Amino acid sequence: MPSAIFDRMRNSRAAALLLARRPCAHSIGKRHVRGSTIVELVAALLVVAVGIIGVAALYSDSVGTNTDVRLQTQAAELAEEIASRIEANEPGRIGYVGTVGVVCNLNAKSLNAHDAAANEAACWEDKVEAALPSGSGTIMRDTSTTPTSFIVAVSWSAPDKGAASYVIQVKPAQL
C-alpha cells in the first residue's frame, strides 16, 4: 500500500514540484550569490557622492546670492534714506553736496540749514561706511538737468565679488 501512494505522488504535479531540486535564481555553479559585488557598492557610493557634491554646490551658490541681495537691499535703503532727507530739506539742499572736511557731529545744535544738511550728509556717509564692506556714499548735484537734481550713489565691494553700486537720481519739486 505504501508503494501505491508513493507511485501516485510521483505521478502528480505537486509531488514533482516537492521532489524536484530547483537551483537558486542567483546561483553560479554550486555557489549561491547573495548581496552585492564590490563593483556595485563602489558605483552606488560614487552616485551618492556626486549627489552630495551637487547639493553642496547649490547651497553655497544660494548663500552667496543671499549675501549679494542683502548688500544690494541695504545700499538701496541707505540711498532712499538720504534721498528722502534731500527732498524734505528744501532750504538746506545744497549743503548735502559740500561734505568735504565735514565731520559727523550727532550733538550739533543751532546750525543753519546748509550746515545742518552737510552734517547730516557726513553722518550718512559714516553710516554707509559702517554698514557695507568698503562702503562709500556720495551725493552730487546735477546741474545739467532742469530743474537741478541730485545723484545719490552708494558703492561697496563684496568679498570675492568685486565692486558694486546703487545710484538714484533725486528730483526735488522745488530748488
N, C-alpha and C. Protein backbone atom coordinates (compact mmCIF):
# COMPACT_ATOMS: atom_id res chain seq x y z
N MET A 1 0.80 -1.19 0.00
CA MET A 1 0.00 0.00 0.00
C MET A 1 0.84 1.25 0.00
N PRO A 2 1.84 1.27 0.80
CA PRO A 2 2.64 2.47 0.77
C PRO A 2 3.25 2.72 -0.59
N SER A 3 3.60 1.71 -1.29
CA SER A 3 4.20 1.95 -2.61
C SER A 3 3.18 2.51 -3.58
N ALA A 4 1.91 2.18 -3.45
CA ALA A 4 0.88 2.72 -4.33
C ALA A 4 0.71 4.21 -4.09
N ILE A 5 0.76 4.62 -2.84
CA ILE A 5 0.66 6.06 -2.53
C ILE A 5 1.86 6.79 -3.10
N PHE A 6 3.03 6.16 -2.93
CA PHE A 6 4.23 6.80 -3.44
C PHE A 6 4.19 6.92 -4.95
N ASP A 7 3.67 5.92 -5.65
CA ASP A 7 3.56 5.98 -7.10
C ASP A 7 2.59 7.06 -7.53
N ARG A 8 1.46 7.20 -6.82
CA ARG A 8 0.51 8.27 -7.15
C ARG A 8 1.13 9.64 -6.94
N MET A 9 1.89 9.77 -5.83
CA MET A 9 2.53 11.06 -5.57
C MET A 9 3.57 11.38 -6.63
N ARG A 10 4.28 10.40 -7.07
CA ARG A 10 5.31 10.63 -8.05
C ARG A 10 4.72 11.08 -9.38
N ASN A 11 3.54 10.61 -9.69
CA ASN A 11 2.90 10.98 -10.94
C ASN A 11 2.19 12.34 -10.85
N SER A 12 1.92 12.79 -9.68
CA SER A 12 1.21 14.07 -9.57
C SER A 12 2.17 15.25 -9.74
N ARG A 13 1.63 16.32 -10.14
CA ARG A 13 2.43 17.53 -10.40
C ARG A 13 2.95 18.15 -9.10
N ALA A 14 2.17 18.15 -8.06
CA ALA A 14 2.59 18.72 -6.78
C ALA A 14 3.77 17.96 -6.22
N ALA A 15 3.71 16.66 -6.37
CA ALA A 15 4.81 15.86 -5.87
C ALA A 15 6.07 16.13 -6.66
N ALA A 16 5.91 16.33 -7.94
CA ALA A 16 7.07 16.62 -8.78
C ALA A 16 7.73 17.92 -8.34
N LEU A 17 6.92 18.88 -7.99
CA LEU A 17 7.48 20.17 -7.53
C LEU A 17 8.16 20.01 -6.18
N LEU A 18 7.58 19.19 -5.29
CA LEU A 18 8.19 19.00 -3.98
C LEU A 18 9.49 18.22 -4.08
N LEU A 19 9.51 17.26 -4.94
CA LEU A 19 10.68 16.40 -5.03
C LEU A 19 11.78 16.99 -5.90
N ALA A 20 11.40 17.85 -6.78
CA ALA A 20 12.40 18.42 -7.70
C ALA A 20 13.35 19.33 -6.94
N ARG A 21 14.54 19.33 -7.34
CA ARG A 21 15.54 20.20 -6.73
C ARG A 21 15.79 21.34 -7.69
N ARG A 22 15.26 22.51 -7.33
CA ARG A 22 15.38 23.67 -8.23
C ARG A 22 16.59 24.48 -7.80
N PRO A 23 17.41 24.86 -8.74
CA PRO A 23 18.56 25.69 -8.38
C PRO A 23 18.11 27.12 -8.05
N CYS A 24 18.89 27.80 -7.23
CA CYS A 24 18.62 29.20 -6.85
C CYS A 24 18.76 30.08 -8.08
N ALA A 25 17.96 31.15 -8.16
CA ALA A 25 17.99 32.03 -9.32
C ALA A 25 19.35 32.70 -9.48
N HIS A 26 20.09 32.92 -8.38
CA HIS A 26 21.37 33.61 -8.45
C HIS A 26 22.54 32.66 -8.27
N SER A 27 22.35 31.42 -8.60
CA SER A 27 23.44 30.51 -8.35
C SER A 27 24.40 30.48 -9.52
N ILE A 28 25.66 30.37 -9.21
CA ILE A 28 26.70 30.23 -10.22
C ILE A 28 27.43 28.95 -9.86
N GLY A 29 27.27 27.99 -10.71
CA GLY A 29 27.86 26.69 -10.39
C GLY A 29 27.21 26.15 -9.13
N LYS A 30 27.98 25.81 -8.13
CA LYS A 30 27.45 25.33 -6.87
C LYS A 30 27.40 26.44 -5.83
N ARG A 31 27.93 27.66 -6.16
CA ARG A 31 27.94 28.79 -5.22
C ARG A 31 26.66 29.58 -5.34
N HIS A 32 26.08 29.96 -4.26
CA HIS A 32 24.90 30.83 -4.25
C HIS A 32 25.37 32.25 -4.01
N VAL A 33 24.95 33.18 -4.90
CA VAL A 33 25.37 34.58 -4.77
C VAL A 33 24.31 35.32 -3.97
N ARG A 34 24.73 35.96 -2.91
CA ARG A 34 23.82 36.75 -2.10
C ARG A 34 24.48 38.10 -1.87
N GLY A 35 23.70 39.19 -1.93
CA GLY A 35 24.25 40.52 -1.69
C GLY A 35 24.77 41.16 -2.96
N SER A 36 25.66 42.14 -2.80
CA SER A 36 26.18 42.91 -3.92
C SER A 36 27.67 42.68 -4.07
N THR A 37 28.13 42.92 -5.28
CA THR A 37 29.56 42.80 -5.52
C THR A 37 30.23 44.11 -5.14
N ILE A 38 31.52 44.10 -5.03
CA ILE A 38 32.27 45.31 -4.66
C ILE A 38 32.12 46.38 -5.73
N VAL A 39 32.00 45.99 -6.98
CA VAL A 39 31.83 46.95 -8.07
C VAL A 39 30.50 47.68 -7.94
N GLU A 40 29.46 46.94 -7.59
CA GLU A 40 28.16 47.56 -7.39
C GLU A 40 28.19 48.54 -6.20
N LEU A 41 28.87 48.18 -5.14
CA LEU A 41 28.98 49.06 -3.98
C LEU A 41 29.75 50.34 -4.32
N VAL A 42 30.84 50.21 -5.05
CA VAL A 42 31.62 51.39 -5.44
C VAL A 42 30.80 52.28 -6.35
N ALA A 43 30.07 51.71 -7.28
CA ALA A 43 29.23 52.51 -8.17
C ALA A 43 28.14 53.24 -7.39
N ALA A 44 27.53 52.58 -6.42
CA ALA A 44 26.49 53.22 -5.61
C ALA A 44 27.08 54.36 -4.78
N LEU A 45 28.24 54.15 -4.20
CA LEU A 45 28.91 55.21 -3.43
C LEU A 45 29.27 56.40 -4.32
N LEU A 46 29.69 56.11 -5.53
CA LEU A 46 30.04 57.19 -6.48
C LEU A 46 28.80 58.03 -6.82
N VAL A 47 27.69 57.39 -7.05
CA VAL A 47 26.45 58.10 -7.36
C VAL A 47 26.02 58.96 -6.17
N VAL A 48 26.09 58.42 -4.97
CA VAL A 48 25.70 59.18 -3.78
C VAL A 48 26.65 60.36 -3.57
N ALA A 49 27.95 60.16 -3.77
CA ALA A 49 28.94 61.23 -3.59
C ALA A 49 28.70 62.36 -4.58
N VAL A 50 28.41 62.03 -5.83
CA VAL A 50 28.13 63.07 -6.83
C VAL A 50 26.88 63.85 -6.44
N GLY A 51 25.88 63.18 -5.94
CA GLY A 51 24.66 63.86 -5.48
C GLY A 51 24.92 64.81 -4.32
N ILE A 52 25.71 64.38 -3.36
CA ILE A 52 26.03 65.23 -2.21
C ILE A 52 26.84 66.44 -2.64
N ILE A 53 27.79 66.25 -3.52
CA ILE A 53 28.59 67.38 -4.02
C ILE A 53 27.71 68.36 -4.77
N GLY A 54 26.77 67.88 -5.55
CA GLY A 54 25.85 68.76 -6.27
C GLY A 54 24.98 69.59 -5.35
N VAL A 55 24.46 68.97 -4.31
CA VAL A 55 23.64 69.69 -3.33
C VAL A 55 24.48 70.74 -2.61
N ALA A 56 25.70 70.39 -2.24
CA ALA A 56 26.58 71.34 -1.56
C ALA A 56 26.90 72.53 -2.46
N ALA A 57 27.12 72.29 -3.74
CA ALA A 57 27.40 73.38 -4.67
C ALA A 57 26.20 74.31 -4.81
N LEU A 58 25.02 73.76 -4.89
CA LEU A 58 23.81 74.59 -4.97
C LEU A 58 23.62 75.40 -3.70
N TYR A 59 23.89 74.80 -2.57
CA TYR A 59 23.74 75.50 -1.30
C TYR A 59 24.73 76.66 -1.19
N SER A 60 25.98 76.43 -1.58
CA SER A 60 26.97 77.51 -1.49
C SER A 60 26.64 78.64 -2.45
N ASP A 61 26.09 78.34 -3.61
CA ASP A 61 25.67 79.39 -4.54
C ASP A 61 24.52 80.20 -3.96
N SER A 62 23.59 79.55 -3.31
CA SER A 62 22.46 80.27 -2.74
C SER A 62 22.88 81.15 -1.58
N VAL A 63 23.86 80.71 -0.80
CA VAL A 63 24.36 81.54 0.31
C VAL A 63 25.02 82.79 -0.24
N GLY A 64 25.83 82.65 -1.29
CA GLY A 64 26.46 83.81 -1.91
C GLY A 64 25.46 84.76 -2.51
N THR A 65 24.42 84.24 -3.13
CA THR A 65 23.37 85.07 -3.72
C THR A 65 22.62 85.83 -2.64
N ASN A 66 22.34 85.16 -1.52
CA ASN A 66 21.65 85.84 -0.42
C ASN A 66 22.47 87.00 0.13
N THR A 67 23.79 86.83 0.21
CA THR A 67 24.66 87.90 0.68
C THR A 67 24.62 89.07 -0.29
N ASP A 68 24.68 88.78 -1.58
CA ASP A 68 24.63 89.85 -2.59
C ASP A 68 23.31 90.61 -2.51
N VAL A 69 22.23 89.90 -2.39
CA VAL A 69 20.91 90.53 -2.31
C VAL A 69 20.79 91.38 -1.06
N ARG A 70 21.33 90.87 0.06
CA ARG A 70 21.28 91.63 1.31
C ARG A 70 22.06 92.94 1.18
N LEU A 71 23.24 92.89 0.56
CA LEU A 71 24.04 94.11 0.38
C LEU A 71 23.34 95.10 -0.55
N GLN A 72 22.74 94.61 -1.63
CA GLN A 72 22.01 95.49 -2.55
C GLN A 72 20.82 96.14 -1.86
N THR A 73 20.11 95.36 -1.06
CA THR A 73 18.95 95.89 -0.34
C THR A 73 19.38 96.95 0.66
N GLN A 74 20.46 96.68 1.36
CA GLN A 74 20.96 97.63 2.34
C GLN A 74 21.41 98.93 1.65
N ALA A 75 22.09 98.82 0.52
CA ALA A 75 22.52 100.00 -0.22
C ALA A 75 21.32 100.81 -0.70
N ALA A 76 20.30 100.11 -1.19
CA ALA A 76 19.09 100.81 -1.66
C ALA A 76 18.40 101.54 -0.51
N GLU A 77 18.33 100.91 0.66
CA GLU A 77 17.69 101.55 1.81
C GLU A 77 18.47 102.79 2.24
N LEU A 78 19.80 102.71 2.24
CA LEU A 78 20.62 103.86 2.62
C LEU A 78 20.45 105.01 1.62
N ALA A 79 20.43 104.68 0.33
CA ALA A 79 20.25 105.71 -0.69
C ALA A 79 18.88 106.36 -0.59
N GLU A 80 17.85 105.55 -0.38
CA GLU A 80 16.49 106.10 -0.25
C GLU A 80 16.36 106.97 1.00
N GLU A 81 17.07 106.59 2.06
CA GLU A 81 17.02 107.36 3.30
C GLU A 81 17.53 108.79 3.07
N ILE A 82 18.70 108.93 2.43
CA ILE A 82 19.23 110.28 2.23
C ILE A 82 18.45 111.02 1.15
N ALA A 83 17.90 110.28 0.19
CA ALA A 83 17.09 110.92 -0.86
C ALA A 83 15.85 111.57 -0.25
N SER A 84 15.22 110.88 0.68
CA SER A 84 14.03 111.47 1.32
C SER A 84 14.40 112.69 2.16
N ARG A 85 15.58 112.68 2.76
CA ARG A 85 16.04 113.85 3.52
C ARG A 85 16.33 115.03 2.60
N ILE A 86 16.91 114.74 1.45
CA ILE A 86 17.19 115.82 0.48
C ILE A 86 15.88 116.45 0.02
N GLU A 87 14.89 115.62 -0.28
CA GLU A 87 13.59 116.14 -0.73
C GLU A 87 12.90 116.95 0.36
N ALA A 88 13.06 116.55 1.62
CA ALA A 88 12.36 117.22 2.72
C ALA A 88 13.04 118.52 3.16
N ASN A 89 14.32 118.65 2.95
CA ASN A 89 15.07 119.80 3.44
C ASN A 89 15.30 120.82 2.32
N GLU A 90 14.25 121.51 1.93
CA GLU A 90 14.36 122.46 0.82
C GLU A 90 15.36 123.59 1.07
N PRO A 91 15.38 124.23 2.24
CA PRO A 91 16.31 125.35 2.40
C PRO A 91 17.78 124.94 2.47
N GLY A 92 18.08 123.70 2.86
CA GLY A 92 19.48 123.32 3.01
C GLY A 92 19.96 122.30 2.00
N ARG A 93 19.23 122.10 0.91
CA ARG A 93 19.58 121.05 -0.06
C ARG A 93 21.01 121.15 -0.57
N ILE A 94 21.47 122.32 -0.83
CA ILE A 94 22.80 122.47 -1.40
C ILE A 94 23.88 122.00 -0.41
N GLY A 95 23.56 122.00 0.89
CA GLY A 95 24.52 121.57 1.90
C GLY A 95 24.84 120.08 1.84
N TYR A 96 23.97 119.28 1.25
CA TYR A 96 24.22 117.83 1.16
C TYR A 96 25.41 117.53 0.25
N VAL A 97 25.73 118.44 -0.66
CA VAL A 97 26.79 118.21 -1.62
C VAL A 97 28.16 118.53 -1.03
N GLY A 98 28.26 119.57 -0.24
CA GLY A 98 29.55 120.02 0.27
C GLY A 98 29.95 119.39 1.57
N THR A 99 30.32 118.10 1.56
CA THR A 99 30.68 117.43 2.81
C THR A 99 32.18 117.23 2.95
N VAL A 100 32.97 117.79 2.07
CA VAL A 100 34.41 117.64 2.17
C VAL A 100 34.88 118.39 3.42
N GLY A 101 35.56 117.69 4.31
CA GLY A 101 36.06 118.28 5.54
C GLY A 101 35.03 118.37 6.65
N VAL A 102 33.81 117.91 6.41
CA VAL A 102 32.77 117.95 7.45
C VAL A 102 32.83 116.64 8.23
N VAL A 103 32.87 116.77 9.55
CA VAL A 103 32.89 115.60 10.43
C VAL A 103 31.51 115.47 11.06
N CYS A 104 31.01 114.24 11.10
CA CYS A 104 29.70 113.99 11.69
C CYS A 104 29.68 114.37 13.16
N ASN A 105 28.71 115.18 13.55
CA ASN A 105 28.53 115.58 14.94
C ASN A 105 27.05 115.40 15.27
N LEU A 106 26.75 114.30 15.94
CA LEU A 106 25.36 113.99 16.26
C LEU A 106 24.75 114.94 17.28
N ASN A 107 25.59 115.65 18.04
CA ASN A 107 25.10 116.56 19.07
C ASN A 107 25.10 118.02 18.61
N ALA A 108 25.28 118.26 17.32
CA ALA A 108 25.35 119.63 16.82
C ALA A 108 23.99 120.31 16.98
N LYS A 109 24.03 121.56 17.46
CA LYS A 109 22.80 122.33 17.65
C LYS A 109 22.99 123.72 17.07
N SER A 110 21.90 124.36 16.84
CA SER A 110 21.84 125.72 16.31
C SER A 110 22.69 125.90 15.05
N LEU A 111 22.55 124.96 14.12
CA LEU A 111 23.22 125.08 12.83
C LEU A 111 22.23 125.68 11.84
N ASN A 112 22.74 126.43 10.86
CA ASN A 112 21.85 126.90 9.81
C ASN A 112 21.50 125.71 8.91
N ALA A 113 20.55 125.87 8.02
CA ALA A 113 20.04 124.76 7.20
C ALA A 113 21.14 124.14 6.35
N HIS A 114 22.04 124.97 5.81
CA HIS A 114 23.13 124.48 4.96
C HIS A 114 24.09 123.62 5.78
N ASP A 115 24.50 124.11 6.96
CA ASP A 115 25.43 123.35 7.80
C ASP A 115 24.77 122.09 8.37
N ALA A 116 23.50 122.18 8.71
CA ALA A 116 22.78 121.00 9.21
C ALA A 116 22.71 119.92 8.14
N ALA A 117 22.49 120.31 6.88
CA ALA A 117 22.45 119.33 5.78
C ALA A 117 23.82 118.71 5.56
N ALA A 118 24.88 119.52 5.64
CA ALA A 118 26.23 119.00 5.47
C ALA A 118 26.56 118.01 6.59
N ASN A 119 26.18 118.33 7.81
CA ASN A 119 26.41 117.43 8.95
C ASN A 119 25.60 116.14 8.77
N GLU A 120 24.37 116.28 8.32
CA GLU A 120 23.52 115.10 8.09
C GLU A 120 24.12 114.20 7.01
N ALA A 121 24.64 114.81 5.95
CA ALA A 121 25.26 114.04 4.88
C ALA A 121 26.54 113.36 5.36
N ALA A 122 27.32 114.03 6.19
CA ALA A 122 28.55 113.43 6.73
C ALA A 122 28.21 112.24 7.62
N CYS A 123 27.19 112.37 8.43
CA CYS A 123 26.75 111.25 9.29
C CYS A 123 26.23 110.09 8.43
N TRP A 124 25.52 110.42 7.35
CA TRP A 124 25.03 109.38 6.43
C TRP A 124 26.20 108.65 5.77
N GLU A 125 27.22 109.39 5.35
CA GLU A 125 28.40 108.77 4.73
C GLU A 125 29.09 107.82 5.72
N ASP A 126 29.18 108.24 6.99
CA ASP A 126 29.75 107.36 8.02
C ASP A 126 28.90 106.10 8.19
N LYS A 127 27.60 106.25 8.12
CA LYS A 127 26.68 105.11 8.26
C LYS A 127 26.86 104.13 7.10
N VAL A 128 27.06 104.66 5.88
CA VAL A 128 27.29 103.80 4.71
C VAL A 128 28.60 103.03 4.88
N GLU A 129 29.64 103.73 5.32
CA GLU A 129 30.94 103.07 5.52
C GLU A 129 30.86 101.96 6.56
N ALA A 130 30.05 102.16 7.59
CA ALA A 130 29.92 101.15 8.64
C ALA A 130 29.03 99.99 8.23
N ALA A 131 28.04 100.24 7.37
CA ALA A 131 27.04 99.21 7.04
C ALA A 131 27.48 98.27 5.92
N LEU A 132 28.31 98.75 5.01
CA LEU A 132 28.67 97.95 3.83
C LEU A 132 30.17 97.69 3.80
N PRO A 133 30.58 96.54 3.25
CA PRO A 133 32.02 96.27 3.15
C PRO A 133 32.65 97.24 2.14
N SER A 134 33.66 97.97 2.58
CA SER A 134 34.30 99.01 1.76
C SER A 134 33.26 99.99 1.23
N GLY A 135 32.30 100.34 2.07
CA GLY A 135 31.19 101.19 1.67
C GLY A 135 31.58 102.64 1.48
N SER A 136 30.92 103.28 0.52
CA SER A 136 31.16 104.69 0.24
C SER A 136 29.85 105.31 -0.24
N GLY A 137 29.51 106.44 0.34
CA GLY A 137 28.30 107.15 -0.08
C GLY A 137 28.67 108.51 -0.64
N THR A 138 28.06 108.87 -1.76
CA THR A 138 28.36 110.13 -2.42
C THR A 138 27.07 110.82 -2.83
N ILE A 139 27.04 112.14 -2.65
CA ILE A 139 25.90 112.94 -3.10
C ILE A 139 26.46 114.02 -4.03
N MET A 140 25.94 114.07 -5.25
CA MET A 140 26.40 115.06 -6.23
C MET A 140 25.20 115.87 -6.73
N ARG A 141 25.47 117.08 -7.11
CA ARG A 141 24.44 117.94 -7.68
C ARG A 141 24.57 117.89 -9.20
N ASP A 142 23.47 117.61 -9.87
CA ASP A 142 23.45 117.51 -11.33
C ASP A 142 22.80 118.77 -11.89
N THR A 143 23.64 119.69 -12.37
CA THR A 143 23.12 120.96 -12.90
C THR A 143 22.77 120.87 -14.37
N SER A 144 23.00 119.70 -14.97
CA SER A 144 22.67 119.55 -16.39
C SER A 144 21.19 119.29 -16.60
N THR A 145 20.46 119.04 -15.54
CA THR A 145 19.01 118.80 -15.65
C THR A 145 18.25 120.04 -15.21
N THR A 146 17.06 120.17 -15.72
CA THR A 146 16.19 121.27 -15.32
C THR A 146 14.91 120.65 -14.77
N PRO A 147 14.58 120.88 -13.54
CA PRO A 147 15.33 121.59 -12.52
C PRO A 147 16.54 120.78 -12.07
N THR A 148 17.43 121.43 -11.34
CA THR A 148 18.63 120.78 -10.85
C THR A 148 18.24 119.59 -9.96
N SER A 149 18.96 118.48 -10.15
CA SER A 149 18.66 117.28 -9.36
C SER A 149 19.93 116.84 -8.61
N PHE A 150 19.77 115.84 -7.80
CA PHE A 150 20.88 115.30 -7.03
C PHE A 150 21.06 113.83 -7.39
N ILE A 151 22.30 113.39 -7.43
CA ILE A 151 22.63 111.99 -7.69
C ILE A 151 23.17 111.41 -6.39
N VAL A 152 22.55 110.35 -5.92
CA VAL A 152 22.99 109.66 -4.71
C VAL A 152 23.55 108.31 -5.15
N ALA A 153 24.83 108.08 -4.80
CA ALA A 153 25.49 106.82 -5.17
C ALA A 153 26.00 106.13 -3.91
N VAL A 154 25.68 104.86 -3.78
CA VAL A 154 26.19 104.04 -2.69
C VAL A 154 26.99 102.92 -3.35
N SER A 155 28.28 102.83 -3.00
CA SER A 155 29.17 101.82 -3.59
C SER A 155 29.73 100.94 -2.49
N TRP A 156 30.03 99.71 -2.83
CA TRP A 156 30.63 98.77 -1.89
C TRP A 156 31.40 97.73 -2.68
N SER A 157 32.19 96.97 -1.97
CA SER A 157 32.98 95.91 -2.59
C SER A 157 32.81 94.66 -1.75
N ALA A 158 32.01 93.75 -2.25
CA ALA A 158 31.77 92.49 -1.53
C ALA A 158 32.98 91.57 -1.70
N PRO A 159 33.30 90.80 -0.67
CA PRO A 159 34.45 89.89 -0.77
C PRO A 159 34.27 88.90 -1.93
N ASP A 160 35.29 88.77 -2.73
CA ASP A 160 35.33 87.84 -3.87
C ASP A 160 34.29 88.15 -4.95
N LYS A 161 33.68 89.33 -4.95
CA LYS A 161 32.66 89.65 -5.94
C LYS A 161 33.02 90.88 -6.75
N GLY A 162 33.84 91.76 -6.24
CA GLY A 162 34.17 92.99 -6.94
C GLY A 162 33.27 94.13 -6.48
N ALA A 163 33.43 95.26 -7.15
CA ALA A 163 32.71 96.47 -6.75
C ALA A 163 31.29 96.47 -7.31
N ALA A 164 30.41 97.12 -6.56
CA ALA A 164 29.01 97.27 -6.98
C ALA A 164 28.52 98.63 -6.51
N SER A 165 27.51 99.15 -7.18
CA SER A 165 26.96 100.46 -6.82
C SER A 165 25.45 100.47 -6.97
N TYR A 166 24.84 101.34 -6.19
CA TYR A 166 23.41 101.61 -6.31
C TYR A 166 23.30 103.12 -6.46
N VAL A 167 22.69 103.59 -7.56
CA VAL A 167 22.63 105.02 -7.87
C VAL A 167 21.18 105.41 -8.12
N ILE A 168 20.76 106.50 -7.51
CA ILE A 168 19.43 107.04 -7.78
C ILE A 168 19.54 108.55 -8.04
N GLN A 169 18.59 109.05 -8.76
CA GLN A 169 18.51 110.48 -9.05
C GLN A 169 17.35 111.05 -8.24
N VAL A 170 17.63 112.14 -7.53
CA VAL A 170 16.61 112.78 -6.71
C VAL A 170 16.22 114.07 -7.42
N LYS A 171 14.95 114.17 -7.76
CA LYS A 171 14.43 115.37 -8.42
C LYS A 171 13.45 116.05 -7.47
N PRO A 172 13.96 116.95 -6.63
CA PRO A 172 13.05 117.64 -5.71
C PRO A 172 12.06 118.50 -6.49
N ALA A 173 10.90 118.73 -5.90
CA ALA A 173 9.85 119.51 -6.56
C ALA A 173 10.30 120.95 -6.80
N GLN A 174 10.95 121.57 -5.83
CA GLN A 174 11.41 122.93 -5.98
C GLN A 174 12.83 123.04 -5.49
N LEU A 175 13.64 123.79 -6.23
CA LEU A 175 15.02 124.02 -5.80
C LEU A 175 15.26 125.50 -5.65
